[in-house]
Structure formats: structure tokens, C-alpha cells
């Protein structure tokens, strides 16, 4: 297999080369993307990355499988690692197919919101979760933001997008809890994610699932 210039540099890089290349960490630099069929998995996108420290497999709904190949790791080695994760990948692909079906069904049946009913539904659930987890808030505002599901101010005022009323119940709860936990942790640090996961479940996983519903923000 012929190698590109970046392939040659990366395949031969040693620790000193890596230190030099780390200066580029502020950028996400990908080179020579290749789509390769891997065993039972099917098509996988492999991309060389200066930022990745390990072979990183990402599986997203509607986006398939992407593998970031770090400095010093050959494409053949990355492919072998990916194939060794076949069962894990197949499980996530199956789950993603379910998410894609749920999303497509939601979009195809999308109807105008009854704003009064949606607002009542959201506020009622916010109050229930606030009491349940003993996280009091100050005021709540229900809006139709174009770019975000919600926000929390330093004054403990919570803003929620009216379109969360369209989300599956668990994701609506996640958005509400996401903002309630900001009352205790006004950042996205480790302690924030730990507490959110404690009361909402696997927060990072739910956050990724929420991504596919972004078009509902209208």
C-alpha cells in the first residue's frame, strides 16, 4: 500500500517527533481519511490524528464508525484493534439504529406544539425533579431558543427550550437535570458530570443521544 507524506512521517515518529507534533495540539489535524471494510462491521472511516493519544473509535447515530489513528500507530494496527472490538461495535450500531428509528418517527410525526400545554408539562416536571433531588431554583423561563436546549444563570434562574416537550421522556428529564445541576456546579468540570451521572444515569451517553435531536430546535 502506498503511503502519503503524512503517513511516512507518522509511521516513523519517535518520542521526540511526538513532542514536536504536540505543539499542533491546538488544532484537530486529520490526514488521509480512508474508508475500509472491516470484517463483520462493514465500512469504517479511518483518519490520522495529531491530537489522539490512543486509537479512538467513535460511533454516532447517522454518522457511522470513525477511528482516529494517533501518531506512531499504523493503519494496519488500528484496523486490527477495531476488528477486535467487533461485538462492542455491533452492540452500539444496534442501539444507534433504534435511536435513528425513534428520531425519524418523531420528525415524521412532528406537529405544531400546543405551547400552553408544553409549558405546563415542562414546568411541572422541573418542579418534580427539583423537589426530588433537593435542588431549589429561583425562576424558570420557557423560550424557543434556536441553538440551545437550556441554560442556568448565576442567580439560579433556569431557561428551558419549549421543544424539550417533544423529546423522549428520559431526554427531557436529562435536559432539566443538566440545568438543575448547574445550580450546584456552575461549570462542566468533573464534579459536575459526576453528580449529573449520579442522578440522571450515564450523562455523557445521554448528552450524545441528545445531539441527534438538534433539528428540533426551531
N, C-alpha and C. Protein backbone atom coordinates (compact mmCIF):
# COMPACT_ATOMS: atom_id res chain seq x y z
N UNK A 1 0.85 -1.19 0.00
CA UNK A 1 0.00 0.00 0.00
C UNK A 1 0.88 1.23 0.00
N UNK A 2 0.63 2.16 -0.92
CA UNK A 2 1.42 3.38 -0.99
C UNK A 2 1.08 4.28 0.18
N UNK A 3 2.11 4.93 0.72
CA UNK A 3 1.89 5.82 1.85
C UNK A 3 2.00 7.26 1.40
N UNK A 4 1.14 8.12 1.98
CA UNK A 4 1.24 9.55 1.73
C UNK A 4 2.35 10.15 2.58
N UNK A 5 2.66 11.41 2.35
CA UNK A 5 3.73 12.07 3.10
C UNK A 5 3.46 12.02 4.60
N UNK A 6 2.24 12.34 5.00
CA UNK A 6 1.92 12.33 6.42
C UNK A 6 2.03 10.93 6.99
N UNK A 7 1.64 9.91 6.23
CA UNK A 7 1.75 8.53 6.69
C UNK A 7 3.21 8.19 7.01
N UNK A 8 4.10 8.58 6.14
CA UNK A 8 5.51 8.26 6.33
C UNK A 8 6.05 8.94 7.59
N UNK A 9 5.74 10.21 7.76
CA UNK A 9 6.20 10.93 8.94
C UNK A 9 5.66 10.29 10.21
N UNK A 10 4.38 9.97 10.21
CA UNK A 10 3.75 9.45 11.42
C UNK A 10 4.19 8.03 11.72
N UNK A 11 4.36 7.23 10.71
CA UNK A 11 4.76 5.84 10.95
C UNK A 11 6.16 5.78 11.56
N UNK A 12 7.04 6.72 11.21
CA UNK A 12 8.41 6.68 11.69
C UNK A 12 8.64 7.55 12.92
N UNK A 13 7.62 8.22 13.42
CA UNK A 13 7.82 9.17 14.50
C UNK A 13 8.23 8.48 15.79
N UNK A 14 9.15 9.09 16.53
CA UNK A 14 9.55 8.61 17.84
C UNK A 14 9.06 9.60 18.90
N UNK A 15 9.52 9.45 20.14
CA UNK A 15 9.03 10.32 21.22
C UNK A 15 9.38 11.78 20.97
N UNK A 16 10.56 12.03 20.38
CA UNK A 16 10.94 13.42 20.10
C UNK A 16 10.05 14.03 19.04
N UNK A 17 9.74 13.20 18.00
CA UNK A 17 8.81 13.68 16.97
C UNK A 17 7.47 14.03 17.59
N UNK A 18 7.01 13.16 18.53
CA UNK A 18 5.71 13.38 19.16
C UNK A 18 5.70 14.71 19.92
N UNK A 19 6.79 15.01 20.61
CA UNK A 19 6.86 16.28 21.36
C UNK A 19 6.73 17.46 20.42
N UNK A 20 7.39 17.37 19.27
CA UNK A 20 7.30 18.45 18.29
C UNK A 20 5.87 18.59 17.76
N UNK A 21 5.27 17.41 17.49
CA UNK A 21 3.92 17.43 16.92
C UNK A 21 2.89 17.87 17.94
N UNK A 22 3.20 17.71 19.24
CA UNK A 22 2.26 18.13 20.28
C UNK A 22 2.01 19.63 20.26
N UNK A 23 2.95 20.37 19.64
CA UNK A 23 2.75 21.82 19.51
C UNK A 23 1.51 22.12 18.67
N UNK A 24 1.11 21.13 17.87
CA UNK A 24 -0.05 21.31 16.99
C UNK A 24 -1.35 20.91 17.66
N UNK A 25 -1.30 20.60 18.98
CA UNK A 25 -2.49 20.07 19.65
C UNK A 25 -3.66 21.03 19.66
N UNK A 26 -3.39 22.31 19.49
CA UNK A 26 -4.50 23.26 19.47
C UNK A 26 -5.38 23.09 18.25
N UNK A 27 -4.93 22.28 17.32
CA UNK A 27 -5.68 22.06 16.09
C UNK A 27 -6.09 20.60 16.00
N UNK A 28 -7.22 20.33 15.39
CA UNK A 28 -7.59 18.95 15.09
C UNK A 28 -7.17 18.70 13.65
N UNK A 29 -6.05 18.03 13.48
CA UNK A 29 -5.50 17.83 12.14
C UNK A 29 -5.69 16.38 11.72
N UNK A 30 -6.42 16.18 10.66
CA UNK A 30 -6.67 14.85 10.15
C UNK A 30 -6.06 14.74 8.76
N UNK A 31 -5.44 13.60 8.48
CA UNK A 31 -4.85 13.42 7.16
C UNK A 31 -5.25 12.07 6.59
N UNK A 32 -5.27 12.03 5.27
CA UNK A 32 -5.51 10.79 4.53
C UNK A 32 -6.67 9.96 5.06
N UNK A 33 -7.90 10.48 5.09
CA UNK A 33 -9.02 9.66 5.54
C UNK A 33 -9.23 8.49 4.58
N UNK A 34 -9.49 7.32 5.13
CA UNK A 34 -9.69 6.13 4.31
C UNK A 34 -10.91 5.37 4.82
N UNK A 35 -11.77 4.94 3.91
CA UNK A 35 -12.90 4.09 4.27
C UNK A 35 -12.51 2.65 3.96
N UNK A 36 -12.51 1.81 4.99
CA UNK A 36 -12.07 0.42 4.86
C UNK A 36 -13.16 -0.50 5.40
N UNK A 37 -13.43 -1.58 4.69
CA UNK A 37 -14.38 -2.58 5.17
C UNK A 37 -13.67 -3.48 6.17
N UNK A 38 -14.22 -3.55 7.40
CA UNK A 38 -13.60 -4.32 8.48
C UNK A 38 -14.52 -5.48 8.87
N UNK A 39 -14.14 -6.69 8.50
CA UNK A 39 -14.85 -7.90 8.90
C UNK A 39 -16.36 -7.80 8.87
N UNK A 40 -17.00 -8.18 10.00
CA UNK A 40 -18.46 -8.17 10.10
C UNK A 40 -19.01 -6.76 10.33
N UNK A 41 -18.13 -5.82 10.62
CA UNK A 41 -18.57 -4.47 10.98
C UNK A 41 -19.05 -3.70 9.76
N UNK A 42 -18.33 -3.85 8.65
CA UNK A 42 -18.67 -3.10 7.45
C UNK A 42 -17.72 -1.93 7.26
N UNK A 43 -18.21 -0.85 6.65
CA UNK A 43 -17.35 0.28 6.31
C UNK A 43 -17.01 1.11 7.55
N UNK A 44 -15.71 1.43 7.68
CA UNK A 44 -15.21 2.23 8.81
C UNK A 44 -14.32 3.33 8.25
N UNK A 45 -14.50 4.55 8.75
CA UNK A 45 -13.67 5.68 8.34
C UNK A 45 -12.46 5.77 9.28
N UNK A 46 -11.25 5.63 8.72
CA UNK A 46 -10.01 5.78 9.48
C UNK A 46 -9.38 7.12 9.13
N UNK A 47 -9.00 7.90 10.16
CA UNK A 47 -8.35 9.18 9.94
C UNK A 47 -7.14 9.32 10.86
N UNK A 48 -6.04 9.80 10.32
CA UNK A 48 -4.85 10.06 11.13
C UNK A 48 -5.05 11.33 11.93
N UNK A 49 -4.72 11.30 13.21
CA UNK A 49 -4.94 12.46 14.08
C UNK A 49 -3.68 12.79 14.88
N UNK A 50 -3.30 14.08 14.89
CA UNK A 50 -2.19 14.54 15.72
C UNK A 50 -2.64 14.73 17.17
N UNK A 51 -3.94 14.79 17.41
CA UNK A 51 -4.43 15.05 18.76
C UNK A 51 -4.63 13.77 19.56
N UNK A 52 -5.06 12.70 18.90
CA UNK A 52 -5.38 11.45 19.61
C UNK A 52 -4.13 10.83 20.23
N UNK A 53 -4.30 10.30 21.44
CA UNK A 53 -3.21 9.58 22.11
C UNK A 53 -3.35 8.07 21.93
N UNK A 54 -4.57 7.63 21.72
CA UNK A 54 -4.85 6.21 21.55
C UNK A 54 -5.76 6.04 20.33
N UNK A 55 -5.86 4.82 19.84
CA UNK A 55 -6.83 4.53 18.79
C UNK A 55 -8.22 4.78 19.38
N UNK A 56 -8.94 5.70 18.79
CA UNK A 56 -10.20 6.16 19.35
C UNK A 56 -11.34 5.83 18.39
N UNK A 57 -12.24 4.95 18.82
CA UNK A 57 -13.37 4.52 17.99
C UNK A 57 -14.61 5.31 18.39
N UNK A 58 -15.21 6.02 17.46
CA UNK A 58 -16.40 6.81 17.71
C UNK A 58 -17.54 6.28 16.86
N UNK A 59 -18.69 6.02 17.50
CA UNK A 59 -19.86 5.51 16.79
C UNK A 59 -21.02 6.45 17.09
N UNK A 60 -21.46 7.19 16.10
CA UNK A 60 -22.54 8.16 16.28
C UNK A 60 -23.73 7.84 15.37
N UNK A 61 -24.95 8.07 15.87
CA UNK A 61 -26.12 7.87 15.01
C UNK A 61 -26.00 8.70 13.74
N UNK A 62 -26.36 8.11 12.63
CA UNK A 62 -26.36 8.73 11.30
C UNK A 62 -24.96 8.99 10.75
N UNK A 63 -23.92 8.80 11.56
CA UNK A 63 -22.56 9.11 11.12
C UNK A 63 -21.65 7.90 11.00
N UNK A 64 -22.15 6.73 11.36
CA UNK A 64 -21.34 5.52 11.23
C UNK A 64 -20.18 5.45 12.20
N UNK A 65 -19.11 4.77 11.77
CA UNK A 65 -17.97 4.50 12.64
C UNK A 65 -16.76 5.28 12.15
N UNK A 66 -16.11 5.98 13.07
CA UNK A 66 -14.90 6.72 12.75
C UNK A 66 -13.80 6.32 13.73
N UNK A 67 -12.60 6.06 13.20
CA UNK A 67 -11.47 5.67 14.03
C UNK A 67 -10.36 6.71 13.86
N UNK A 68 -9.98 7.36 14.97
CA UNK A 68 -8.86 8.30 14.96
C UNK A 68 -7.58 7.51 15.24
N UNK A 69 -6.62 7.61 14.33
CA UNK A 69 -5.37 6.86 14.44
C UNK A 69 -4.26 7.82 14.88
N UNK A 70 -3.70 7.62 16.07
CA UNK A 70 -2.70 8.57 16.58
C UNK A 70 -1.32 8.43 15.96
N UNK A 71 -0.46 9.38 16.27
CA UNK A 71 0.93 9.35 15.83
C UNK A 71 1.59 8.05 16.32
N UNK A 72 2.31 7.39 15.45
CA UNK A 72 3.06 6.20 15.83
C UNK A 72 2.30 4.90 15.71
N UNK A 73 1.02 4.94 15.34
CA UNK A 73 0.22 3.72 15.19
C UNK A 73 -0.09 3.52 13.71
N UNK A 74 0.23 2.36 13.19
CA UNK A 74 -0.01 2.09 11.77
C UNK A 74 -1.49 1.88 11.51
N UNK A 75 -1.87 2.10 10.26
CA UNK A 75 -3.26 1.88 9.86
C UNK A 75 -3.63 0.41 10.05
N UNK A 76 -2.69 -0.50 9.76
CA UNK A 76 -2.95 -1.93 9.91
C UNK A 76 -3.22 -2.27 11.38
N UNK A 77 -2.44 -1.67 12.29
CA UNK A 77 -2.64 -1.92 13.72
C UNK A 77 -3.98 -1.37 14.19
N UNK A 78 -4.34 -0.18 13.70
CA UNK A 78 -5.62 0.42 14.07
C UNK A 78 -6.78 -0.43 13.57
N UNK A 79 -6.62 -0.97 12.36
CA UNK A 79 -7.66 -1.85 11.81
C UNK A 79 -7.81 -3.11 12.66
N UNK A 80 -6.69 -3.68 13.10
CA UNK A 80 -6.71 -4.89 13.92
C UNK A 80 -7.40 -4.63 15.26
N UNK A 81 -7.09 -3.47 15.87
CA UNK A 81 -7.73 -3.10 17.14
C UNK A 81 -9.23 -2.93 16.94
N UNK A 82 -9.61 -2.28 15.85
CA UNK A 82 -11.03 -2.06 15.55
C UNK A 82 -11.75 -3.39 15.39
N UNK A 83 -11.14 -4.32 14.65
CA UNK A 83 -11.78 -5.63 14.43
C UNK A 83 -11.91 -6.41 15.74
N UNK A 84 -10.97 -6.20 16.68
CA UNK A 84 -11.04 -6.89 17.97
C UNK A 84 -12.21 -6.41 18.81
N UNK A 85 -12.76 -5.24 18.46
CA UNK A 85 -13.89 -4.67 19.19
C UNK A 85 -15.22 -4.92 18.47
N UNK A 86 -15.24 -5.94 17.60
CA UNK A 86 -16.40 -6.19 16.75
C UNK A 86 -17.71 -6.28 17.53
N UNK A 87 -17.76 -7.08 18.58
CA UNK A 87 -19.01 -7.27 19.32
C UNK A 87 -19.46 -5.98 19.98
N UNK A 88 -18.50 -5.25 20.56
CA UNK A 88 -18.81 -3.95 21.19
C UNK A 88 -19.37 -2.97 20.17
N UNK A 89 -18.74 -2.92 18.99
CA UNK A 89 -19.18 -2.01 17.93
C UNK A 89 -20.57 -2.40 17.44
N UNK A 90 -20.80 -3.70 17.24
CA UNK A 90 -22.11 -4.16 16.76
C UNK A 90 -23.22 -3.81 17.75
N UNK A 91 -22.92 -3.90 19.05
CA UNK A 91 -23.91 -3.53 20.06
C UNK A 91 -24.28 -2.06 19.95
N UNK A 92 -23.27 -1.20 19.77
CA UNK A 92 -23.53 0.23 19.65
C UNK A 92 -24.24 0.57 18.34
N UNK A 93 -23.90 -0.13 17.27
CA UNK A 93 -24.59 0.09 16.00
C UNK A 93 -26.06 -0.27 16.12
N UNK A 94 -26.35 -1.36 16.83
CA UNK A 94 -27.74 -1.78 17.05
C UNK A 94 -28.50 -0.71 17.84
N UNK A 95 -27.87 -0.21 18.91
CA UNK A 95 -28.51 0.83 19.72
C UNK A 95 -28.74 2.10 18.91
N UNK A 96 -27.76 2.43 18.06
CA UNK A 96 -27.90 3.63 17.23
C UNK A 96 -29.02 3.49 16.22
N UNK A 97 -29.21 2.29 15.68
CA UNK A 97 -30.31 2.07 14.74
C UNK A 97 -31.65 2.35 15.42
N UNK A 98 -31.77 1.94 16.69
CA UNK A 98 -33.00 2.20 17.44
C UNK A 98 -33.20 3.70 17.61
N UNK A 99 -32.13 4.41 17.95
CA UNK A 99 -32.20 5.86 18.11
C UNK A 99 -32.59 6.54 16.80
N UNK A 100 -32.02 6.06 15.71
CA UNK A 100 -32.33 6.64 14.40
C UNK A 100 -33.81 6.44 14.05
N UNK A 101 -34.34 5.23 14.38
CA UNK A 101 -35.77 4.97 14.12
C UNK A 101 -36.65 5.89 14.96
N UNK A 102 -36.29 6.04 16.25
CA UNK A 102 -37.05 6.92 17.14
C UNK A 102 -37.05 8.35 16.61
N UNK A 103 -35.88 8.80 16.18
CA UNK A 103 -35.75 10.16 15.68
C UNK A 103 -36.57 10.35 14.41
N UNK A 104 -36.44 9.43 13.46
CA UNK A 104 -37.17 9.55 12.19
C UNK A 104 -38.68 9.53 12.41
N UNK A 105 -39.12 8.71 13.37
CA UNK A 105 -40.55 8.65 13.69
C UNK A 105 -41.01 9.98 14.29
N UNK A 106 -40.19 10.53 15.18
CA UNK A 106 -40.53 11.80 15.82
C UNK A 106 -40.62 12.93 14.80
N UNK A 107 -39.63 12.97 13.89
CA UNK A 107 -39.60 14.03 12.88
C UNK A 107 -40.76 13.88 11.90
N UNK A 108 -41.06 12.65 11.49
CA UNK A 108 -42.13 12.44 10.50
C UNK A 108 -43.50 12.77 11.08
N UNK A 109 -43.64 12.62 12.41
CA UNK A 109 -44.93 12.91 13.06
C UNK A 109 -44.95 14.27 13.75
N UNK A 110 -43.94 15.08 13.45
CA UNK A 110 -43.81 16.37 14.13
C UNK A 110 -45.00 17.27 13.80
N UNK A 111 -45.64 17.77 14.83
CA UNK A 111 -46.79 18.65 14.68
C UNK A 111 -46.54 19.94 15.45
N UNK A 112 -47.27 21.00 15.14
CA UNK A 112 -47.10 22.23 15.91
C UNK A 112 -47.37 21.98 17.39
N UNK A 113 -46.53 22.56 18.24
CA UNK A 113 -46.71 22.40 19.68
C UNK A 113 -47.88 23.22 20.18
N UNK A 114 -48.64 22.66 21.09
CA UNK A 114 -49.57 23.46 21.87
C UNK A 114 -48.71 24.10 22.96
N UNK A 115 -48.36 25.35 22.78
CA UNK A 115 -47.36 25.99 23.62
C UNK A 115 -47.79 26.05 25.09
N UNK A 116 -49.08 26.26 25.31
CA UNK A 116 -49.56 26.34 26.70
C UNK A 116 -49.40 24.99 27.41
N UNK A 117 -49.78 23.91 26.70
CA UNK A 117 -49.66 22.57 27.29
C UNK A 117 -48.19 22.18 27.48
N UNK A 118 -47.36 22.52 26.47
CA UNK A 118 -45.94 22.19 26.56
C UNK A 118 -45.30 22.91 27.74
N UNK A 119 -45.64 24.16 27.92
CA UNK A 119 -45.07 24.95 29.03
C UNK A 119 -45.46 24.35 30.38
N UNK A 120 -46.72 23.96 30.52
CA UNK A 120 -47.18 23.35 31.78
C UNK A 120 -46.45 22.04 32.04
N UNK A 121 -46.29 21.25 30.99
CA UNK A 121 -45.63 19.95 31.12
C UNK A 121 -44.18 20.12 31.60
N UNK A 122 -43.47 21.07 31.00
CA UNK A 122 -42.07 21.29 31.35
C UNK A 122 -41.92 21.82 32.77
N UNK A 123 -42.73 22.81 33.13
CA UNK A 123 -42.63 23.40 34.47
C UNK A 123 -43.00 22.38 35.54
N UNK A 124 -44.03 21.59 35.28
CA UNK A 124 -44.42 20.56 36.24
C UNK A 124 -43.29 19.57 36.48
N UNK A 125 -42.62 19.14 35.39
CA UNK A 125 -41.53 18.17 35.54
C UNK A 125 -40.31 18.80 36.21
N UNK A 126 -40.03 20.05 35.89
CA UNK A 126 -38.93 20.77 36.54
C UNK A 126 -39.15 20.83 38.05
N UNK A 127 -40.37 21.16 38.46
CA UNK A 127 -40.67 21.26 39.89
C UNK A 127 -40.55 19.90 40.57
N UNK A 128 -41.00 18.83 39.88
CA UNK A 128 -40.90 17.48 40.45
C UNK A 128 -39.44 17.07 40.66
N UNK A 129 -38.61 17.32 39.66
CA UNK A 129 -37.20 16.92 39.76
C UNK A 129 -36.44 17.80 40.75
N UNK A 130 -36.82 19.06 40.84
CA UNK A 130 -36.21 19.97 41.81
C UNK A 130 -36.45 19.49 43.23
N UNK A 131 -37.68 19.08 43.53
CA UNK A 131 -38.02 18.58 44.87
C UNK A 131 -37.36 17.23 45.13
N UNK A 132 -37.43 16.35 44.13
CA UNK A 132 -36.89 15.00 44.29
C UNK A 132 -35.40 15.02 44.63
N UNK A 133 -34.65 15.89 43.96
CA UNK A 133 -33.20 15.91 44.15
C UNK A 133 -32.73 17.04 45.06
N UNK A 134 -33.71 17.74 45.65
CA UNK A 134 -33.40 18.80 46.62
C UNK A 134 -32.47 19.86 46.03
N UNK A 135 -32.81 20.31 44.83
CA UNK A 135 -32.06 21.37 44.17
C UNK A 135 -33.04 22.51 43.85
N UNK A 136 -33.22 23.45 44.75
CA UNK A 136 -34.16 24.55 44.50
C UNK A 136 -33.63 25.52 43.45
N UNK A 137 -34.54 26.09 42.68
CA UNK A 137 -34.16 27.11 41.69
C UNK A 137 -34.93 28.39 42.00
N UNK A 138 -34.58 29.46 41.33
CA UNK A 138 -35.23 30.75 41.58
C UNK A 138 -36.42 30.94 40.64
N UNK A 139 -36.15 31.23 39.38
CA UNK A 139 -37.21 31.43 38.39
C UNK A 139 -36.99 30.50 37.21
N UNK A 140 -38.06 30.27 36.45
CA UNK A 140 -37.94 29.47 35.24
C UNK A 140 -38.51 30.26 34.06
N UNK A 141 -37.85 30.18 32.94
CA UNK A 141 -38.29 30.82 31.71
C UNK A 141 -38.36 29.76 30.61
N UNK A 142 -39.48 29.71 29.91
CA UNK A 142 -39.65 28.76 28.81
C UNK A 142 -39.61 29.55 27.51
N UNK A 143 -38.62 29.24 26.69
CA UNK A 143 -38.42 30.00 25.45
C UNK A 143 -38.28 29.04 24.28
N UNK A 144 -38.10 29.62 23.10
CA UNK A 144 -37.88 28.81 21.89
C UNK A 144 -36.54 29.20 21.29
N UNK A 145 -35.46 28.91 22.04
CA UNK A 145 -34.13 29.23 21.54
C UNK A 145 -33.81 28.43 20.29
N UNK A 146 -32.98 29.01 19.43
CA UNK A 146 -32.64 28.35 18.17
C UNK A 146 -31.43 27.44 18.29
N UNK A 147 -30.61 27.63 19.33
CA UNK A 147 -29.34 26.91 19.37
C UNK A 147 -29.09 26.11 20.64
N UNK A 148 -29.95 26.22 21.66
CA UNK A 148 -29.67 25.52 22.90
C UNK A 148 -30.94 24.98 23.55
N UNK A 149 -30.75 23.90 24.31
CA UNK A 149 -31.87 23.27 24.99
C UNK A 149 -32.20 23.96 26.31
N UNK A 150 -31.22 24.60 26.91
CA UNK A 150 -31.48 25.25 28.19
C UNK A 150 -30.25 25.97 28.69
N UNK A 151 -30.42 26.70 29.79
CA UNK A 151 -29.30 27.40 30.42
C UNK A 151 -29.66 27.67 31.87
N UNK A 152 -28.64 27.99 32.67
CA UNK A 152 -28.83 28.29 34.08
C UNK A 152 -27.95 29.48 34.43
N UNK A 153 -28.54 30.51 35.04
CA UNK A 153 -27.78 31.71 35.39
C UNK A 153 -27.20 31.60 36.79
N UNK A 154 -26.28 32.50 37.11
CA UNK A 154 -25.68 32.51 38.44
C UNK A 154 -26.71 32.86 39.51
N UNK A 155 -27.83 33.44 39.10
CA UNK A 155 -28.91 33.78 40.05
C UNK A 155 -29.88 32.60 40.25
N UNK A 156 -29.51 31.43 39.72
CA UNK A 156 -30.31 30.22 39.83
C UNK A 156 -31.62 30.29 39.04
N UNK A 157 -31.60 31.11 38.00
CA UNK A 157 -32.74 31.15 37.07
C UNK A 157 -32.49 30.15 35.95
N UNK A 158 -33.49 29.37 35.65
CA UNK A 158 -33.36 28.33 34.63
C UNK A 158 -34.20 28.69 33.40
N UNK A 159 -33.57 28.59 32.23
CA UNK A 159 -34.27 28.75 30.95
C UNK A 159 -34.31 27.41 30.25
N UNK A 160 -35.48 27.02 29.78
CA UNK A 160 -35.63 25.75 29.07
C UNK A 160 -36.31 25.98 27.73
N UNK A 161 -35.84 25.25 26.74
CA UNK A 161 -36.41 25.35 25.41
C UNK A 161 -37.75 24.62 25.37
N UNK A 162 -38.77 25.28 24.84
CA UNK A 162 -40.10 24.68 24.82
C UNK A 162 -40.13 23.37 24.04
N UNK A 163 -39.16 23.20 23.12
CA UNK A 163 -39.12 21.98 22.30
C UNK A 163 -38.66 20.75 23.06
N UNK A 164 -38.21 20.89 24.31
CA UNK A 164 -37.88 19.67 25.06
C UNK A 164 -39.14 18.86 25.35
N UNK A 165 -40.31 19.50 25.20
CA UNK A 165 -41.57 18.77 25.37
C UNK A 165 -41.75 17.73 24.27
N UNK A 166 -41.03 17.86 23.16
CA UNK A 166 -41.11 16.89 22.06
C UNK A 166 -40.18 15.69 22.28
N UNK A 167 -39.19 15.84 23.16
CA UNK A 167 -38.18 14.81 23.34
C UNK A 167 -38.74 13.57 24.03
N UNK A 168 -38.09 12.41 23.84
CA UNK A 168 -38.43 11.24 24.66
C UNK A 168 -38.30 11.62 26.13
N UNK A 169 -39.10 11.01 26.98
CA UNK A 169 -39.20 11.40 28.39
C UNK A 169 -37.84 11.44 29.08
N UNK A 170 -37.00 10.43 28.87
CA UNK A 170 -35.71 10.38 29.55
C UNK A 170 -34.80 11.53 29.12
N UNK A 171 -34.87 11.92 27.85
CA UNK A 171 -34.04 13.02 27.39
C UNK A 171 -34.57 14.37 27.87
N UNK A 172 -35.89 14.51 27.98
CA UNK A 172 -36.44 15.73 28.56
C UNK A 172 -35.97 15.89 30.00
N UNK A 173 -36.03 14.79 30.77
CA UNK A 173 -35.54 14.81 32.14
C UNK A 173 -34.06 15.16 32.18
N UNK A 174 -33.30 14.62 31.23
CA UNK A 174 -31.86 14.88 31.20
C UNK A 174 -31.58 16.37 31.02
N UNK A 175 -32.28 17.01 30.09
CA UNK A 175 -32.08 18.44 29.85
C UNK A 175 -32.38 19.24 31.13
N UNK A 176 -33.47 18.91 31.78
CA UNK A 176 -33.86 19.61 33.00
C UNK A 176 -32.81 19.40 34.10
N UNK A 177 -32.39 18.16 34.29
CA UNK A 177 -31.38 17.85 35.31
C UNK A 177 -30.04 18.49 34.97
N UNK A 178 -29.73 18.54 33.69
CA UNK A 178 -28.49 19.19 33.23
C UNK A 178 -28.42 20.62 33.76
N UNK A 179 -29.55 21.33 33.69
CA UNK A 179 -29.57 22.72 34.15
C UNK A 179 -29.67 22.82 35.68
N UNK A 180 -30.42 21.92 36.31
CA UNK A 180 -30.53 21.95 37.77
C UNK A 180 -29.17 21.73 38.42
N UNK A 181 -28.38 20.81 37.89
CA UNK A 181 -27.08 20.53 38.48
C UNK A 181 -26.14 21.72 38.34
N UNK A 182 -26.38 22.57 37.34
CA UNK A 182 -25.57 23.78 37.20
C UNK A 182 -25.78 24.74 38.38
N UNK A 183 -26.86 24.60 39.10
CA UNK A 183 -27.07 25.43 40.28
C UNK A 183 -26.01 25.11 41.34
N UNK A 184 -25.59 23.85 41.40
CA UNK A 184 -24.55 23.44 42.35
C UNK A 184 -23.15 23.56 41.76
N UNK A 185 -23.03 23.35 40.46
CA UNK A 185 -21.73 23.40 39.79
C UNK A 185 -21.86 24.26 38.54
N UNK A 186 -21.41 25.50 38.61
CA UNK A 186 -21.60 26.43 37.50
C UNK A 186 -20.48 26.28 36.45
N UNK A 187 -20.27 25.03 36.01
CA UNK A 187 -19.25 24.73 35.01
C UNK A 187 -19.54 23.33 34.48
N UNK A 188 -18.65 22.84 33.62
CA UNK A 188 -18.77 21.47 33.12
C UNK A 188 -17.55 20.65 33.56
N UNK A 189 -17.14 20.86 34.80
CA UNK A 189 -16.00 20.14 35.34
C UNK A 189 -16.34 18.71 35.73
N UNK A 190 -15.34 18.00 36.25
CA UNK A 190 -15.51 16.59 36.60
C UNK A 190 -16.60 16.38 37.65
N UNK A 191 -16.63 17.26 38.68
CA UNK A 191 -17.63 17.12 39.74
C UNK A 191 -19.05 17.31 39.19
N UNK A 192 -19.17 18.22 38.22
CA UNK A 192 -20.48 18.44 37.59
C UNK A 192 -20.97 17.16 36.92
N UNK A 193 -20.12 16.53 36.08
CA UNK A 193 -20.53 15.32 35.35
C UNK A 193 -20.76 14.15 36.30
N UNK A 194 -20.00 14.08 37.36
CA UNK A 194 -20.20 13.01 38.34
C UNK A 194 -21.57 13.11 38.99
N UNK A 195 -21.95 14.32 39.41
CA UNK A 195 -23.26 14.48 40.06
C UNK A 195 -24.39 14.27 39.07
N UNK A 196 -24.22 14.79 37.85
CA UNK A 196 -25.26 14.63 36.84
C UNK A 196 -25.47 13.15 36.52
N UNK A 197 -24.39 12.39 36.39
CA UNK A 197 -24.49 10.96 36.13
C UNK A 197 -25.13 10.23 37.30
N UNK A 198 -24.87 10.68 38.51
CA UNK A 198 -25.44 10.04 39.70
C UNK A 198 -26.96 10.14 39.71
N UNK A 199 -27.50 11.27 39.27
CA UNK A 199 -28.95 11.45 39.35
C UNK A 199 -29.67 11.22 38.02
N UNK A 200 -28.94 11.28 36.90
CA UNK A 200 -29.60 11.15 35.59
C UNK A 200 -29.26 9.85 34.88
N UNK A 201 -28.22 9.15 35.34
CA UNK A 201 -27.74 7.98 34.63
C UNK A 201 -26.44 8.32 33.94
N UNK A 202 -26.11 7.65 32.85
CA UNK A 202 -24.88 7.91 32.12
C UNK A 202 -25.02 9.23 31.37
N UNK A 203 -24.56 10.32 32.00
CA UNK A 203 -24.78 11.66 31.46
C UNK A 203 -24.13 11.87 30.10
N UNK A 204 -22.89 11.40 29.95
CA UNK A 204 -22.19 11.61 28.67
C UNK A 204 -22.91 10.88 27.53
N UNK A 205 -23.43 9.69 27.81
CA UNK A 205 -24.16 8.93 26.81
C UNK A 205 -25.46 9.64 26.44
N UNK A 206 -26.17 10.13 27.45
CA UNK A 206 -27.41 10.87 27.19
C UNK A 206 -27.14 12.14 26.41
N UNK A 207 -26.02 12.79 26.71
CA UNK A 207 -25.66 14.01 26.01
C UNK A 207 -25.45 13.75 24.52
N UNK A 208 -24.82 12.62 24.20
CA UNK A 208 -24.61 12.25 22.81
C UNK A 208 -25.92 11.93 22.11
N UNK A 209 -26.82 11.24 22.83
CA UNK A 209 -28.13 10.92 22.25
C UNK A 209 -28.91 12.19 21.94
N UNK A 210 -28.75 13.19 22.81
CA UNK A 210 -29.46 14.46 22.61
C UNK A 210 -29.03 15.15 21.33
N UNK A 211 -27.77 14.92 20.92
CA UNK A 211 -27.23 15.59 19.73
C UNK A 211 -28.08 15.34 18.49
N UNK A 212 -28.62 14.12 18.35
CA UNK A 212 -29.33 13.81 17.12
C UNK A 212 -30.68 14.52 17.03
N UNK A 213 -31.14 15.06 18.15
CA UNK A 213 -32.44 15.76 18.15
C UNK A 213 -32.26 17.27 17.93
N UNK A 214 -31.06 17.69 17.59
CA UNK A 214 -30.78 19.12 17.40
C UNK A 214 -31.72 19.79 16.40
N UNK A 215 -32.11 19.11 15.30
CA UNK A 215 -33.03 19.76 14.35
C UNK A 215 -34.38 20.14 14.93
N UNK A 216 -34.73 19.61 16.12
CA UNK A 216 -35.99 20.01 16.74
C UNK A 216 -35.97 21.44 17.25
N UNK A 217 -34.78 22.01 17.34
CA UNK A 217 -34.67 23.39 17.82
C UNK A 217 -35.11 24.32 16.69
N UNK A 218 -36.36 24.68 16.70
CA UNK A 218 -36.88 25.55 15.64
C UNK A 218 -37.70 26.68 16.24
